[in-house]
Amino acid sequence: MAEPRIPLADRFWSKVIKTDSCWLWPAGINNNGYGRFQYYNRRQRPGLGRDLYAHRVAWILTHGEIADDLNVLHRCDRPACVNPDHLFLGNPS
C-alpha cells in the first residue's frame, strides 16, 4: 500500500524552527546558508523531484506563485529565514 500523502504545507512548516523574530530552516542548507526544500517528494511523484530555496517555498505557500523575473529577498538578511513577514519580492538591483 502507498504511503499516505503529506500535504506540502504540513511537510514544509513542520521543519521550521520559530524564534522571536526569524523562522529558521534547519533542514538542507547550501554553502551560502540558504535552505533547500524538496518541493515534490520523489517517492510519491517519481521523476518530479525538484529542490527549491526554502524561502521561496515559504513565499509560495503564503502569497502564491512568483513571477520568473522576481527574487524573494530577506529584510532580515538571514539566508536560512523563512518567516513570511521578513520576505519581499524584488530584483537584484
PDB file of N, CA and C in Angstrom:
ATOM      1  N   MET A   1       0.833  -1.172   0.000  1.00  0.00           N
ATOM      2  CA  MET A   1       0.000   0.000   0.000  1.00  0.00           C
ATOM      3  C   MET A   1       0.891   1.254   0.000  1.00  0.00           C
ATOM      4  N   ALA A   2       0.500   2.280  -0.741  1.00  0.00           N
ATOM      5  CA  ALA A   2       1.279   3.511  -0.851  1.00  0.00           C
ATOM      6  C   ALA A   2       1.244   4.302   0.457  1.00  0.00           C
ATOM      7  N   GLU A   3       2.321   5.040   0.678  1.00  0.00           N
ATOM      8  CA  GLU A   3       2.375   5.903   1.860  1.00  0.00           C
ATOM      9  C   GLU A   3       1.305   6.986   1.757  1.00  0.00           C
ATOM     10  N   PRO A   4       0.728   7.395   2.891  1.00  0.00           N
ATOM     11  CA  PRO A   4      -0.223   8.493   2.832  1.00  0.00           C
ATOM     12  C   PRO A   4       0.502   9.769   2.397  1.00  0.00           C
ATOM     13  N   ARG A   5      -0.154  10.550   1.613  1.00  0.00           N
ATOM     14  CA  ARG A   5       0.437  11.774   1.087  1.00  0.00           C
ATOM     15  C   ARG A   5       0.345  12.881   2.139  1.00  0.00           C
ATOM     16  N   ILE A   6       1.480  13.455   2.479  1.00  0.00           N
ATOM     17  CA  ILE A   6       1.528  14.552   3.446  1.00  0.00           C
ATOM     18  C   ILE A   6       1.421  15.851   2.656  1.00  0.00           C
ATOM     19  N   PRO A   7       0.474  16.709   3.008  1.00  0.00           N
ATOM     20  CA  PRO A   7       0.350  17.972   2.274  1.00  0.00           C
ATOM     21  C   PRO A   7       1.657  18.768   2.298  1.00  0.00           C
ATOM     22  N   LEU A   8       1.944  19.420   1.201  1.00  0.00           N
ATOM     23  CA  LEU A   8       3.173  20.183   1.052  1.00  0.00           C
ATOM     24  C   LEU A   8       3.374  21.167   2.198  1.00  0.00           C
ATOM     25  N   ALA A   9       2.346  21.932   2.533  1.00  0.00           N
ATOM     26  CA  ALA A   9       2.477  22.935   3.598  1.00  0.00           C
ATOM     27  C   ALA A   9       2.823  22.278   4.931  1.00  0.00           C
ATOM     28  N   ASP A  10       2.191  21.166   5.248  1.00  0.00           N
ATOM     29  CA  ASP A  10       2.483  20.466   6.502  1.00  0.00           C
ATOM     30  C   ASP A  10       3.925  19.957   6.517  1.00  0.00           C
ATOM     31  N   ARG A  11       4.359  19.406   5.403  1.00  0.00           N
ATOM     32  CA  ARG A  11       5.715  18.881   5.296  1.00  0.00           C
ATOM     33  C   ARG A  11       6.739  20.003   5.449  1.00  0.00           C
ATOM     34  N   PHE A  12       6.454  21.163   4.858  1.00  0.00           N
ATOM     35  CA  PHE A  12       7.377  22.286   4.928  1.00  0.00           C
ATOM     36  C   PHE A  12       7.422  22.903   6.326  1.00  0.00           C
ATOM     37  N   TRP A  13       6.268  23.360   6.832  1.00  0.00           N
ATOM     38  CA  TRP A  13       6.242  24.102   8.092  1.00  0.00           C
ATOM     39  C   TRP A  13       6.641  23.248   9.287  1.00  0.00           C
ATOM     40  N   SER A  14       6.501  21.915   9.193  1.00  0.00           N
ATOM     41  CA  SER A  14       6.899  21.058  10.319  1.00  0.00           C
ATOM     42  C   SER A  14       8.404  21.085  10.568  1.00  0.00           C
ATOM     43  N   LYS A  15       9.179  21.528   9.591  1.00  0.00           N
ATOM     44  CA  LYS A  15      10.634  21.567   9.719  1.00  0.00           C
ATOM     45  C   LYS A  15      11.152  22.905  10.262  1.00  0.00           C
ATOM     46  N   VAL A  16      10.305  23.920  10.309  1.00  0.00           N
ATOM     47  CA  VAL A  16      10.735  25.275  10.656  1.00  0.00           C
ATOM     48  C   VAL A  16      10.861  25.456  12.171  1.00  0.00           C
ATOM     49  N   ILE A  17      11.930  26.126  12.581  1.00  0.00           N
ATOM     50  CA  ILE A  17      12.131  26.492  13.983  1.00  0.00           C
ATOM     51  C   ILE A  17      11.801  27.975  14.113  1.00  0.00           C
ATOM     52  N   LYS A  18      10.748  28.289  14.863  1.00  0.00           N
ATOM     53  CA  LYS A  18      10.316  29.680  15.017  1.00  0.00           C
ATOM     54  C   LYS A  18      10.979  30.303  16.237  1.00  0.00           C
ATOM     55  N   THR A  19      11.690  31.396  16.013  1.00  0.00           N
ATOM     56  CA  THR A  19      12.263  32.175  17.116  1.00  0.00           C
ATOM     57  C   THR A  19      11.406  33.432  17.274  1.00  0.00           C
ATOM     58  N   ASP A  20      11.809  34.331  18.151  1.00  0.00           N
ATOM     59  CA  ASP A  20      11.048  35.564  18.349  1.00  0.00           C
ATOM     60  C   ASP A  20      10.978  36.415  17.092  1.00  0.00           C
ATOM     61  N   SER A  21      11.966  36.306  16.230  1.00  0.00           N
ATOM     62  CA  SER A  21      11.942  37.098  15.004  1.00  0.00           C
ATOM     63  C   SER A  21      12.008  36.205  13.773  1.00  0.00           C
ATOM     64  N   CYS A  22      13.127  35.587  13.535  1.00  0.00           N
ATOM     65  CA  CYS A  22      13.285  34.764  12.339  1.00  0.00           C
ATOM     66  C   CYS A  22      12.720  33.361  12.543  1.00  0.00           C
ATOM     67  N   TRP A  23      12.217  32.802  11.455  1.00  0.00           N
ATOM     68  CA  TRP A  23      11.808  31.406  11.424  1.00  0.00           C
ATOM     69  C   TRP A  23      12.891  30.697  10.625  1.00  0.00           C
ATOM     70  N   LEU A  24      13.627  29.828  11.261  1.00  0.00           N
ATOM     71  CA  LEU A  24      14.817  29.257  10.644  1.00  0.00           C
ATOM     72  C   LEU A  24      14.569  27.888  10.022  1.00  0.00           C
ATOM     73  N   TRP A  25      15.198  27.685   8.898  1.00  0.00           N
ATOM     74  CA  TRP A  25      15.132  26.424   8.170  1.00  0.00           C
ATOM     75  C   TRP A  25      16.356  25.600   8.551  1.00  0.00           C
ATOM     76  N   PRO A  26      16.196  24.534   9.358  1.00  0.00           N
ATOM     77  CA  PRO A  26      17.337  23.756   9.812  1.00  0.00           C
ATOM     78  C   PRO A  26      17.648  22.543   8.933  1.00  0.00           C
ATOM     79  N   ALA A  27      16.792  22.247   7.998  1.00  0.00           N
ATOM     80  CA  ALA A  27      16.969  21.047   7.165  1.00  0.00           C
ATOM     81  C   ALA A  27      18.110  21.299   6.172  1.00  0.00           C
ATOM     82  N   GLY A  28      17.960  20.941   4.936  1.00  0.00           N
ATOM     83  CA  GLY A  28      19.028  21.111   3.960  1.00  0.00           C
ATOM     84  C   GLY A  28      19.414  22.570   3.786  1.00  0.00           C
ATOM     85  N   ILE A  29      20.709  22.858   3.925  1.00  0.00           N
ATOM     86  CA  ILE A  29      21.245  24.210   3.769  1.00  0.00           C
ATOM     87  C   ILE A  29      22.383  24.141   2.751  1.00  0.00           C
ATOM     88  N   ASN A  30      22.409  25.100   1.804  1.00  0.00           N
ATOM     89  CA  ASN A  30      23.509  25.083   0.843  1.00  0.00           C
ATOM     90  C   ASN A  30      24.727  25.818   1.413  1.00  0.00           C
ATOM     91  N   ASN A  31      25.793  25.903   0.628  1.00  0.00           N
ATOM     92  CA  ASN A  31      27.046  26.501   1.100  1.00  0.00           C
ATOM     93  C   ASN A  31      26.919  27.986   1.422  1.00  0.00           C
ATOM     94  N   ASN A  32      25.904  28.648   0.889  1.00  0.00           N
ATOM     95  CA  ASN A  32      25.687  30.068   1.151  1.00  0.00           C
ATOM     96  C   ASN A  32      24.710  30.309   2.301  1.00  0.00           C
ATOM     97  N   GLY A  33      24.261  29.242   2.951  1.00  0.00           N
ATOM     98  CA  GLY A  33      23.368  29.363   4.099  1.00  0.00           C
ATOM     99  C   GLY A  33      21.884  29.356   3.770  1.00  0.00           C
ATOM    100  N   TYR A  34      21.530  29.210   2.494  1.00  0.00           N
ATOM    101  CA  TYR A  34      20.123  29.189   2.091  1.00  0.00           C
ATOM    102  C   TYR A  34      19.541  27.786   2.254  1.00  0.00           C
ATOM    103  N   GLY A  35      18.338  27.732   2.788  1.00  0.00           N
ATOM    104  CA  GLY A  35      17.666  26.460   2.954  1.00  0.00           C
ATOM    105  C   GLY A  35      17.224  25.892   1.615  1.00  0.00           C
ATOM    106  N   ARG A  36      17.228  24.577   1.523  1.00  0.00           N
ATOM    107  CA  ARG A  36      16.768  23.863   0.324  1.00  0.00           C
ATOM    108  C   ARG A  36      15.639  22.935   0.741  1.00  0.00           C
ATOM    109  N   PHE A  37      14.609  22.879  -0.095  1.00  0.00           N
ATOM    110  CA  PHE A  37      13.442  22.045   0.197  1.00  0.00           C
ATOM    111  C   PHE A  37      13.074  21.266  -1.044  1.00  0.00           C
ATOM    112  N   GLN A  38      12.836  19.971  -0.877  1.00  0.00           N
ATOM    113  CA  GLN A  38      12.418  19.142  -1.991  1.00  0.00           C
ATOM    114  C   GLN A  38      10.932  19.391  -2.223  1.00  0.00           C
ATOM    115  N   TYR A  39      10.641  20.190  -3.232  1.00  0.00           N
ATOM    116  CA  TYR A  39       9.280  20.658  -3.493  1.00  0.00           C
ATOM    117  C   TYR A  39       8.327  19.517  -3.791  1.00  0.00           C
ATOM    118  N   TYR A  40       8.792  18.529  -4.527  1.00  0.00           N
ATOM    119  CA  TYR A  40       7.990  17.329  -4.779  1.00  0.00           C
ATOM    120  C   TYR A  40       8.712  16.155  -4.152  1.00  0.00           C
ATOM    121  N   ASN A  41       7.987  15.319  -3.460  1.00  0.00           N
ATOM    122  CA  ASN A  41       8.566  14.128  -2.859  1.00  0.00           C
ATOM    123  C   ASN A  41       8.799  13.099  -3.967  1.00  0.00           C
ATOM    124  N   ARG A  42      10.030  12.724  -4.194  1.00  0.00           N
ATOM    125  CA  ARG A  42      10.371  11.815  -5.294  1.00  0.00           C
ATOM    126  C   ARG A  42       9.737  10.437  -5.129  1.00  0.00           C
ATOM    127  N   ARG A  43       9.540  10.014  -3.880  1.00  0.00           N
ATOM    128  CA  ARG A  43       8.910   8.703  -3.677  1.00  0.00           C
ATOM    129  C   ARG A  43       7.436   8.746  -4.050  1.00  0.00           C
ATOM    130  N   GLN A  44       6.790   9.884  -3.814  1.00  0.00           N
ATOM    131  CA  GLN A  44       5.363   9.986  -4.093  1.00  0.00           C
ATOM    132  C   GLN A  44       5.092  10.419  -5.535  1.00  0.00           C
ATOM    133  N   ARG A  45       6.044  11.138  -6.135  1.00  0.00           N
ATOM    134  CA  ARG A  45       5.864  11.610  -7.505  1.00  0.00           C
ATOM    135  C   ARG A  45       7.168  11.368  -8.260  1.00  0.00           C
ATOM    136  N   PRO A  46       7.458  10.116  -8.625  1.00  0.00           N
ATOM    137  CA  PRO A  46       8.722   9.801  -9.299  1.00  0.00           C
ATOM    138  C   PRO A  46       8.940  10.677 -10.524  1.00  0.00           C
ATOM    139  N   GLY A  47      10.179  11.137 -10.669  1.00  0.00           N
ATOM    140  CA  GLY A  47      10.535  11.959 -11.818  1.00  0.00           C
ATOM    141  C   GLY A  47      10.232  13.435 -11.631  1.00  0.00           C
ATOM    142  N   LEU A  48       9.534  13.793 -10.567  1.00  0.00           N
ATOM    143  CA  LEU A  48       9.162  15.195 -10.374  1.00  0.00           C
ATOM    144  C   LEU A  48       9.905  15.842  -9.215  1.00  0.00           C
ATOM    145  N   GLY A  49      10.905  15.160  -8.664  1.00  0.00           N
ATOM    146  CA  GLY A  49      11.658  15.745  -7.568  1.00  0.00           C
ATOM    147  C   GLY A  49      12.328  17.034  -8.000  1.00  0.00           C
ATOM    148  N   ARG A  50      12.177  18.079  -7.211  1.00  0.00           N
ATOM    149  CA  ARG A  50      12.752  19.370  -7.551  1.00  0.00           C
ATOM    150  C   ARG A  50      13.052  20.108  -6.256  1.00  0.00           C
ATOM    151  N   ASP A  51      14.279  20.581  -6.125  1.00  0.00           N
ATOM    152  CA  ASP A  51      14.657  21.354  -4.955  1.00  0.00           C
ATOM    153  C   ASP A  51      14.443  22.836  -5.233  1.00  0.00           C
ATOM    154  N   LEU A  52      13.907  23.544  -4.246  1.00  0.00           N
ATOM    155  CA  LEU A  52      13.751  24.989  -4.306  1.00  0.00           C
ATOM    156  C   LEU A  52      14.353  25.581  -3.046  1.00  0.00           C
ATOM    157  N   TYR A  53      14.696  26.864  -3.116  1.00  0.00           N
ATOM    158  CA  TYR A  53      15.107  27.546  -1.901  1.00  0.00           C
ATOM    159  C   TYR A  53      13.932  27.564  -0.943  1.00  0.00           C
ATOM    160  N   ALA A  54      14.202  27.310   0.339  1.00  0.00           N
ATOM    161  CA  ALA A  54      13.142  27.227   1.338  1.00  0.00           C
ATOM    162  C   ALA A  54      12.395  28.558   1.477  1.00  0.00           C
ATOM    163  N   HIS A  55      13.096  29.685   1.369  1.00  0.00           N
ATOM    164  CA  HIS A  55      12.401  30.968   1.493  1.00  0.00           C
ATOM    165  C   HIS A  55      11.449  31.210   0.325  1.00  0.00           C
ATOM    166  N   ARG A  56      11.752  30.666  -0.852  1.00  0.00           N
ATOM    167  CA  ARG A  56      10.831  30.775  -1.993  1.00  0.00           C
ATOM    168  C   ARG A  56       9.579  29.923  -1.744  1.00  0.00           C
ATOM    169  N   VAL A  57       9.773  28.737  -1.161  1.00  0.00           N
ATOM    170  CA  VAL A  57       8.622  27.885  -0.842  1.00  0.00           C
ATOM    171  C   VAL A  57       7.749  28.578   0.203  1.00  0.00           C
ATOM    172  N   ALA A  58       8.360  29.205   1.201  1.00  0.00           N
ATOM    173  CA  ALA A  58       7.590  29.934   2.213  1.00  0.00           C
ATOM    174  C   ALA A  58       6.750  31.021   1.548  1.00  0.00           C
ATOM    175  N   TRP A  59       7.329  31.731   0.579  1.00  0.00           N
ATOM    176  CA  TRP A  59       6.580  32.777  -0.135  1.00  0.00           C
ATOM    177  C   TRP A  59       5.411  32.166  -0.912  1.00  0.00           C
ATOM    178  N   ILE A  60       5.672  31.094  -1.643  1.00  0.00           N
ATOM    179  CA  ILE A  60       4.630  30.439  -2.449  1.00  0.00           C
ATOM    180  C   ILE A  60       3.485  29.974  -1.555  1.00  0.00           C
ATOM    181  N   LEU A  61       3.814  29.391  -0.409  1.00  0.00           N
ATOM    182  CA  LEU A  61       2.774  28.880   0.482  1.00  0.00           C
ATOM    183  C   LEU A  61       1.929  29.990   1.101  1.00  0.00           C
ATOM    184  N   THR A  62       2.502  31.166   1.297  1.00  0.00           N
ATOM    185  CA  THR A  62       1.759  32.236   1.958  1.00  0.00           C
ATOM    186  C   THR A  62       1.215  33.293   1.003  1.00  0.00           C
ATOM    187  N   HIS A  63       1.861  33.475  -0.155  1.00  0.00           N
ATOM    188  CA  HIS A  63       1.454  34.554  -1.062  1.00  0.00           C
ATOM    189  C   HIS A  63       1.125  34.096  -2.482  1.00  0.00           C
ATOM    190  N   GLY A  64       1.506  32.895  -2.846  1.00  0.00           N
ATOM    191  CA  GLY A  64       1.242  32.417  -4.206  1.00  0.00           C
ATOM    192  C   GLY A  64       2.504  32.410  -5.060  1.00  0.00           C
ATOM    193  N   GLU A  65       2.307  32.147  -6.330  1.00  0.00           N
ATOM    194  CA  GLU A  65       3.420  31.981  -7.269  1.00  0.00           C
ATOM    195  C   GLU A  65       4.264  33.242  -7.396  1.00  0.00           C
ATOM    196  N   ILE A  66       5.487  33.055  -7.885  1.00  0.00           N
ATOM    197  CA  ILE A  66       6.464  34.129  -8.038  1.00  0.00           C
ATOM    198  C   ILE A  66       6.753  34.306  -9.520  1.00  0.00           C
ATOM    199  N   ALA A  67       6.654  35.528 -10.012  1.00  0.00           N
ATOM    200  CA  ALA A  67       6.976  35.799 -11.417  1.00  0.00           C
ATOM    201  C   ALA A  67       8.434  35.433 -11.683  1.00  0.00           C
ATOM    202  N   ASP A  68       8.704  34.950 -12.892  1.00  0.00           N
ATOM    203  CA  ASP A  68      10.047  34.485 -13.239  1.00  0.00           C
ATOM    204  C   ASP A  68      11.121  35.553 -13.093  1.00  0.00           C
ATOM    205  N   ASP A  69      10.768  36.817 -13.238  1.00  0.00           N
ATOM    206  CA  ASP A  69      11.769  37.877 -13.194  1.00  0.00           C
ATOM    207  C   ASP A  69      11.980  38.458 -11.795  1.00  0.00           C
ATOM    208  N   LEU A  70      11.375  37.843 -10.782  1.00  0.00           N
ATOM    209  CA  LEU A  70      11.496  38.358  -9.415  1.00  0.00           C
ATOM    210  C   LEU A  70      12.222  37.377  -8.503  1.00  0.00           C
ATOM    211  N   ASN A  71      12.883  37.930  -7.513  1.00  0.00           N
ATOM    212  CA  ASN A  71      13.540  37.157  -6.461  1.00  0.00           C
ATOM    213  C   ASN A  71      12.760  37.338  -5.166  1.00  0.00           C
ATOM    214  N   VAL A  72      12.914  36.391  -4.255  1.00  0.00           N
ATOM    215  CA  VAL A  72      12.379  36.547  -2.907  1.00  0.00           C
ATOM    216  C   VAL A  72      13.562  36.974  -2.048  1.00  0.00           C
ATOM    217  N   LEU A  73      13.444  38.158  -1.452  1.00  0.00           N
ATOM    218  CA  LEU A  73      14.531  38.755  -0.692  1.00  0.00           C
ATOM    219  C   LEU A  73      14.191  38.778   0.795  1.00  0.00           C
ATOM    220  N   HIS A  74      15.227  38.899   1.623  1.00  0.00           N
ATOM    221  CA  HIS A  74      15.079  38.881   3.079  1.00  0.00           C
ATOM    222  C   HIS A  74      15.281  40.279   3.666  1.00  0.00           C
ATOM    223  N   ARG A  75      14.324  40.755   4.425  1.00  0.00           N
ATOM    224  CA  ARG A  75      14.509  42.013   5.170  1.00  0.00           C
ATOM    225  C   ARG A  75      15.535  41.829   6.287  1.00  0.00           C
ATOM    226  N   CYS A  76      15.603  40.639   6.835  1.00  0.00           N
ATOM    227  CA  CYS A  76      16.487  40.348   7.966  1.00  0.00           C
ATOM    228  C   CYS A  76      17.901  39.955   7.534  1.00  0.00           C
ATOM    229  N   ASP A  77      18.104  39.738   6.251  1.00  0.00           N
ATOM    230  CA  ASP A  77      19.414  39.331   5.718  1.00  0.00           C
ATOM    231  C   ASP A  77      19.936  38.028   6.316  1.00  0.00           C
ATOM    232  N   ARG A  78      19.028  37.143   6.724  1.00  0.00           N
ATOM    233  CA  ARG A  78      19.425  35.802   7.205  1.00  0.00           C
ATOM    234  C   ARG A  78      18.971  34.796   6.159  1.00  0.00           C
ATOM    235  N   PRO A  79      19.896  34.217   5.416  1.00  0.00           N
ATOM    236  CA  PRO A  79      19.537  33.304   4.326  1.00  0.00           C
ATOM    237  C   PRO A  79      18.650  32.131   4.743  1.00  0.00           C
ATOM    238  N   ALA A  80      18.779  31.646   5.975  1.00  0.00           N
ATOM    239  CA  ALA A  80      18.001  30.488   6.422  1.00  0.00           C
ATOM    240  C   ALA A  80      16.614  30.868   6.935  1.00  0.00           C
ATOM    241  N   CYS A  81      16.284  32.171   6.952  1.00  0.00           N
ATOM    242  CA  CYS A  81      14.988  32.614   7.468  1.00  0.00           C
ATOM    243  C   CYS A  81      13.881  32.374   6.437  1.00  0.00           C
ATOM    244  N   VAL A  82      12.755  31.830   6.915  1.00  0.00           N
ATOM    245  CA  VAL A  82      11.598  31.598   6.055  1.00  0.00           C
ATOM    246  C   VAL A  82      10.345  32.285   6.601  1.00  0.00           C
ATOM    247  N   ASN A  83      10.528  33.243   7.516  1.00  0.00           N
ATOM    248  CA  ASN A  83       9.398  33.973   8.073  1.00  0.00           C
ATOM    249  C   ASN A  83       8.783  34.834   6.970  1.00  0.00           C
ATOM    250  N   PRO A  84       7.522  34.583   6.598  1.00  0.00           N
ATOM    251  CA  PRO A  84       6.904  35.344   5.508  1.00  0.00           C
ATOM    252  C   PRO A  84       6.911  36.850   5.747  1.00  0.00           C
ATOM    253  N   ASP A  85       6.890  37.289   7.010  1.00  0.00           N
ATOM    254  CA  ASP A  85       6.930  38.719   7.316  1.00  0.00           C
ATOM    255  C   ASP A  85       8.300  39.337   7.021  1.00  0.00           C
ATOM    256  N   HIS A  86       9.307  38.519   6.860  1.00  0.00           N
ATOM    257  CA  HIS A  86      10.660  39.008   6.581  1.00  0.00           C
ATOM    258  C   HIS A  86      10.987  38.965   5.092  1.00  0.00           C
ATOM    259  N   LEU A  87      10.085  38.459   4.289  1.00  0.00           N
ATOM    260  CA  LEU A  87      10.343  38.263   2.865  1.00  0.00           C
ATOM    261  C   LEU A  87       9.610  39.296   2.024  1.00  0.00           C
ATOM    262  N   PHE A  88      10.211  39.659   0.898  1.00  0.00           N
ATOM    263  CA  PHE A  88       9.569  40.549  -0.060  1.00  0.00           C
ATOM    264  C   PHE A  88      10.087  40.230  -1.449  1.00  0.00           C
ATOM    265  N   LEU A  89       9.331  40.630  -2.446  1.00  0.00           N
ATOM    266  CA  LEU A  89       9.731  40.393  -3.832  1.00  0.00           C
ATOM    267  C   LEU A  89      10.535  41.576  -4.346  1.00  0.00           C
ATOM    268  N   GLY A  90      11.523  41.294  -5.159  1.00  0.00           N
ATOM    269  CA  GLY A  90      12.324  42.349  -5.764  1.00  0.00           C
ATOM    270  C   GLY A  90      13.233  41.777  -6.828  1.00  0.00           C
ATOM    271  N   ASN A  91      14.105  42.636  -7.315  1.00  0.00           N
ATOM    272  CA  ASN A  91      15.091  42.180  -8.299  1.00  0.00           C
ATOM    273  C   ASN A  91      16.478  42.429  -7.719  1.00  0.00           C
ATOM    274  N   PRO A  92      17.511  41.905  -8.339  1.00  0.00           N
ATOM    275  CA  PRO A  92      18.854  42.026  -7.766  1.00  0.00           C
ATOM    276  C   PRO A  92      19.319  43.464  -7.541  1.00  0.00           C
ATOM    277  N   SER A  93      18.774  44.416  -8.271  1.00  0.00           N
ATOM    278  CA  SER A  93      19.217  45.805  -8.069  1.00  0.00           C
ATOM    279  C   SER A  93      18.434  46.422  -6.931  1.00  0.00           C
TER     280      SER A  93
END
